[in-house]
Amino acid sequence: MLNGMSVREPARHALYARLEDVLGPEHADTLMTHLPQHQSDQVATKSDICVLKSDIAMLRSGMADFKAEVRADIKEVRADIKELSGVVRDQQKFYVGTVVGSMTALTAIFSLVVGLLN
């Protein structure tokens, strides 16, 4: 940059041509790749960085609230799962009892029928 003004493409080409004359094409290419190609309006300022820091701080604060909400939701889901687990366990006991009782009754009836036939 010259006096706060951005370097335009023609000036870059002129610089490259002169570097090529003095240093040769390989060294001119190397040097030009290390020079910034952006315009001055594309450079971040300290105030830009301060705004960015402020935005990041707000995001972190929001994330802390979000984390708390997610933790509360997870706690609620775990309680629901625990409750459902108890319901399933009770139903399983009922069905096992029903099946065992039915099988016992059928075995007794079968034994009675076989005994009557003999």
C-alpha atoms as a PDB file:
ATOM      1  CA  MET A   1       0.000   0.000   0.000  1.00  0.00           C
ATOM      2  CA  LEU A   2       1.174   3.498  -0.799  1.00  0.00           C
ATOM      3  CA  ASN A   3      -0.008   6.332   1.489  1.00  0.00           C
ATOM      4  CA  GLY A   4      -3.083   4.350   2.598  1.00  0.00           C
ATOM      5  CA  MET A   5      -4.185   3.658  -0.984  1.00  0.00           C
ATOM      6  CA  SER A   6      -4.520   0.129  -2.241  1.00  0.00           C
ATOM      7  CA  VAL A   7      -2.113  -1.197  -4.846  1.00  0.00           C
ATOM      8  CA  ARG A   8      -3.941  -1.834  -8.098  1.00  0.00           C
ATOM      9  CA  GLU A   9      -3.311  -4.689 -10.508  1.00  0.00           C
ATOM     10  CA  PRO A  10      -1.357  -2.623 -13.069  1.00  0.00           C
ATOM     11  CA  ALA A  11       1.063  -1.592 -10.320  1.00  0.00           C
ATOM     12  CA  ARG A  12       1.440  -5.246  -9.293  1.00  0.00           C
ATOM     13  CA  HIS A  13       2.208  -6.241 -12.877  1.00  0.00           C
ATOM     14  CA  ALA A  14       4.748  -3.441 -13.208  1.00  0.00           C
ATOM     15  CA  LEU A  15       6.392  -4.537  -9.960  1.00  0.00           C
ATOM     16  CA  TYR A  16       6.473  -8.153 -11.172  1.00  0.00           C
ATOM     17  CA  ALA A  17       8.041  -7.111 -14.496  1.00  0.00           C
ATOM     18  CA  ARG A  18      10.765  -5.153 -12.695  1.00  0.00           C
ATOM     19  CA  LEU A  19      11.395  -7.995 -10.217  1.00  0.00           C
ATOM     20  CA  GLU A  20      11.615 -10.412 -13.120  1.00  0.00           C
ATOM     21  CA  ASP A  21      14.274  -8.214 -14.745  1.00  0.00           C
ATOM     22  CA  VAL A  22      16.283  -7.885 -11.539  1.00  0.00           C
ATOM     23  CA  LEU A  23      15.767 -11.274  -9.832  1.00  0.00           C
ATOM     24  CA  GLY A  24      14.638 -13.577 -12.618  1.00  0.00           C
ATOM     25  CA  PRO A  25      11.205 -15.183 -13.095  1.00  0.00           C
ATOM     26  CA  GLU A  26      11.536 -17.844 -10.362  1.00  0.00           C
ATOM     27  CA  HIS A  27      12.516 -15.383  -7.629  1.00  0.00           C
ATOM     28  CA  ALA A  28       9.958 -12.827  -8.854  1.00  0.00           C
ATOM     29  CA  ASP A  29       7.209 -15.489  -8.596  1.00  0.00           C
ATOM     30  CA  THR A  30       8.349 -16.421  -5.091  1.00  0.00           C
ATOM     31  CA  LEU A  31       8.363 -12.825  -3.891  1.00  0.00           C
ATOM     32  CA  MET A  32       5.000 -11.965  -5.484  1.00  0.00           C
ATOM     33  CA  THR A  33       3.314 -14.976  -3.848  1.00  0.00           C
ATOM     34  CA  HIS A  34       4.277 -13.508  -0.470  1.00  0.00           C
ATOM     35  CA  LEU A  35       2.759 -10.090  -1.167  1.00  0.00           C
ATOM     36  CA  PRO A  36      -0.903  -9.682  -0.168  1.00  0.00           C
ATOM     37  CA  GLN A  37      -3.307  -9.467  -3.084  1.00  0.00           C
ATOM     38  CA  HIS A  38      -6.258  -8.064  -1.151  1.00  0.00           C
ATOM     39  CA  GLN A  39      -7.587  -4.551  -1.246  1.00  0.00           C
ATOM     40  CA  SER A  40      -7.302  -2.359   1.848  1.00  0.00           C
ATOM     41  CA  ASP A  41     -11.058  -2.642   2.477  1.00  0.00           C
ATOM     42  CA  GLN A  42     -10.619  -6.407   2.960  1.00  0.00           C
ATOM     43  CA  VAL A  43      -8.269  -6.063   5.921  1.00  0.00           C
ATOM     44  CA  ALA A  44      -9.683  -6.633   9.417  1.00  0.00           C
ATOM     45  CA  THR A  45      -9.218  -3.755  11.837  1.00  0.00           C
ATOM     46  CA  LYS A  46      -8.932  -3.841  15.613  1.00  0.00           C
ATOM     47  CA  SER A  47     -12.530  -2.675  15.882  1.00  0.00           C
ATOM     48  CA  ASP A  48     -13.597  -5.529  13.585  1.00  0.00           C
ATOM     49  CA  ILE A  49     -11.847  -7.951  15.897  1.00  0.00           C
ATOM     50  CA  CYS A  50     -13.496  -6.355  18.973  1.00  0.00           C
ATOM     51  CA  VAL A  51     -16.920  -6.782  17.358  1.00  0.00           C
ATOM     52  CA  LEU A  52     -16.052 -10.376  16.546  1.00  0.00           C
ATOM     53  CA  LYS A  53     -14.959 -10.993  20.150  1.00  0.00           C
ATOM     54  CA  SER A  54     -18.242  -9.503  21.367  1.00  0.00           C
ATOM     55  CA  ASP A  55     -20.217 -11.741  18.996  1.00  0.00           C
ATOM     56  CA  ILE A  56     -18.290 -14.794  20.187  1.00  0.00           C
ATOM     57  CA  ALA A  57     -18.944 -13.858  23.833  1.00  0.00           C
ATOM     58  CA  MET A  58     -22.684 -13.575  23.091  1.00  0.00           C
ATOM     59  CA  LEU A  59     -22.619 -16.952  21.345  1.00  0.00           C
ATOM     60  CA  ARG A  60     -20.847 -18.528  24.319  1.00  0.00           C
ATOM     61  CA  SER A  61     -23.423 -17.049  26.677  1.00  0.00           C
ATOM     62  CA  GLY A  62     -26.220 -18.376  24.492  1.00  0.00           C
ATOM     63  CA  MET A  63     -24.516 -21.770  24.344  1.00  0.00           C
ATOM     64  CA  ALA A  64     -24.367 -21.890  28.159  1.00  0.00           C
ATOM     65  CA  ASP A  65     -28.137 -21.323  28.320  1.00  0.00           C
ATOM     66  CA  PHE A  66     -28.657 -23.877  25.562  1.00  0.00           C
ATOM     67  CA  LYS A  67     -26.508 -26.431  27.403  1.00  0.00           C
ATOM     68  CA  ALA A  68     -28.577 -25.939  30.563  1.00  0.00           C
ATOM     69  CA  GLU A  69     -31.797 -26.484  28.594  1.00  0.00           C
ATOM     70  CA  VAL A  70     -30.413 -29.595  26.906  1.00  0.00           C
ATOM     71  CA  ARG A  71     -29.273 -31.000  30.255  1.00  0.00           C
ATOM     72  CA  ALA A  72     -32.755 -30.417  31.695  1.00  0.00           C
ATOM     73  CA  ASP A  73     -34.321 -32.112  28.668  1.00  0.00           C
ATOM     74  CA  ILE A  74     -31.961 -35.084  28.984  1.00  0.00           C
ATOM     75  CA  LYS A  75     -32.810 -35.387  32.676  1.00  0.00           C
ATOM     76  CA  GLU A  76     -36.512 -35.406  31.797  1.00  0.00           C
ATOM     77  CA  VAL A  77     -36.007 -38.034  29.071  1.00  0.00           C
ATOM     78  CA  ARG A  78     -34.060 -40.239  31.491  1.00  0.00           C
ATOM     79  CA  ALA A  79     -36.911 -39.989  34.020  1.00  0.00           C
ATOM     80  CA  ASP A  80     -39.407 -40.943  31.299  1.00  0.00           C
ATOM     81  CA  ILE A  81     -37.260 -43.917  30.266  1.00  0.00           C
ATOM     82  CA  LYS A  82     -36.991 -45.046  33.886  1.00  0.00           C
ATOM     83  CA  GLU A  83     -40.762 -44.832  34.258  1.00  0.00           C
ATOM     84  CA  LEU A  84     -41.347 -46.745  31.020  1.00  0.00           C
ATOM     85  CA  SER A  85     -38.835 -49.358  32.099  1.00  0.00           C
ATOM     86  CA  GLY A  86     -40.877 -49.943  35.252  1.00  0.00           C
ATOM     87  CA  VAL A  87     -44.098 -50.242  33.224  1.00  0.00           C
ATOM     88  CA  VAL A  88     -42.487 -52.720  30.820  1.00  0.00           C
ATOM     89  CA  ARG A  89     -41.109 -54.747  33.737  1.00  0.00           C
ATOM     90  CA  ASP A  90     -44.574 -54.919  35.341  1.00  0.00           C
ATOM     91  CA  GLN A  91     -46.191 -55.961  32.043  1.00  0.00           C
ATOM     92  CA  GLN A  92     -43.514 -58.579  31.499  1.00  0.00           C
ATOM     93  CA  LYS A  93     -44.193 -60.077  34.957  1.00  0.00           C
ATOM     94  CA  PHE A  94     -47.930 -60.121  34.209  1.00  0.00           C
ATOM     95  CA  TYR A  95     -47.475 -61.835  30.829  1.00  0.00           C
ATOM     96  CA  VAL A  96     -45.010 -64.400  32.190  1.00  0.00           C
ATOM     97  CA  GLY A  97     -47.427 -65.174  35.038  1.00  0.00           C
ATOM     98  CA  THR A  98     -50.310 -65.470  32.578  1.00  0.00           C
ATOM     99  CA  VAL A  99     -48.379 -67.794  30.266  1.00  0.00           C
ATOM    100  CA  VAL A 100     -47.123 -69.982  33.127  1.00  0.00           C
ATOM    101  CA  GLY A 101     -50.639 -70.157  34.598  1.00  0.00           C
ATOM    102  CA  SER A 102     -52.158 -71.027  31.228  1.00  0.00           C
ATOM    103  CA  MET A 103     -49.554 -73.707  30.552  1.00  0.00           C
ATOM    104  CA  THR A 104     -50.124 -75.186  34.023  1.00  0.00           C
ATOM    105  CA  ALA A 105     -53.884 -75.240  33.485  1.00  0.00           C
ATOM    106  CA  LEU A 106     -53.500 -76.830  30.026  1.00  0.00           C
ATOM    107  CA  THR A 107     -51.127 -79.460  31.421  1.00  0.00           C
ATOM    108  CA  ALA A 108     -53.617 -80.284  34.177  1.00  0.00           C
ATOM    109  CA  ILE A 109     -56.491 -80.547  31.686  1.00  0.00           C
ATOM    110  CA  PHE A 110     -54.385 -82.686  29.364  1.00  0.00           C
ATOM    111  CA  SER A 111     -53.425 -84.978  32.263  1.00  0.00           C
ATOM    112  CA  LEU A 112     -57.081 -85.262  33.280  1.00  0.00           C
ATOM    113  CA  VAL A 113     -58.171 -86.117  29.739  1.00  0.00           C
ATOM    114  CA  VAL A 114     -55.384 -88.715  29.395  1.00  0.00           C
ATOM    115  CA  GLY A 115     -56.338 -90.208  32.780  1.00  0.00           C
ATOM    116  CA  LEU A 116     -59.989 -90.466  31.804  1.00  0.00           C
ATOM    117  CA  LEU A 117     -59.145 -92.149  28.506  1.00  0.00           C
ATOM    118  CA  ASN A 118     -57.066 -94.866  30.147  1.00  0.00           C
END
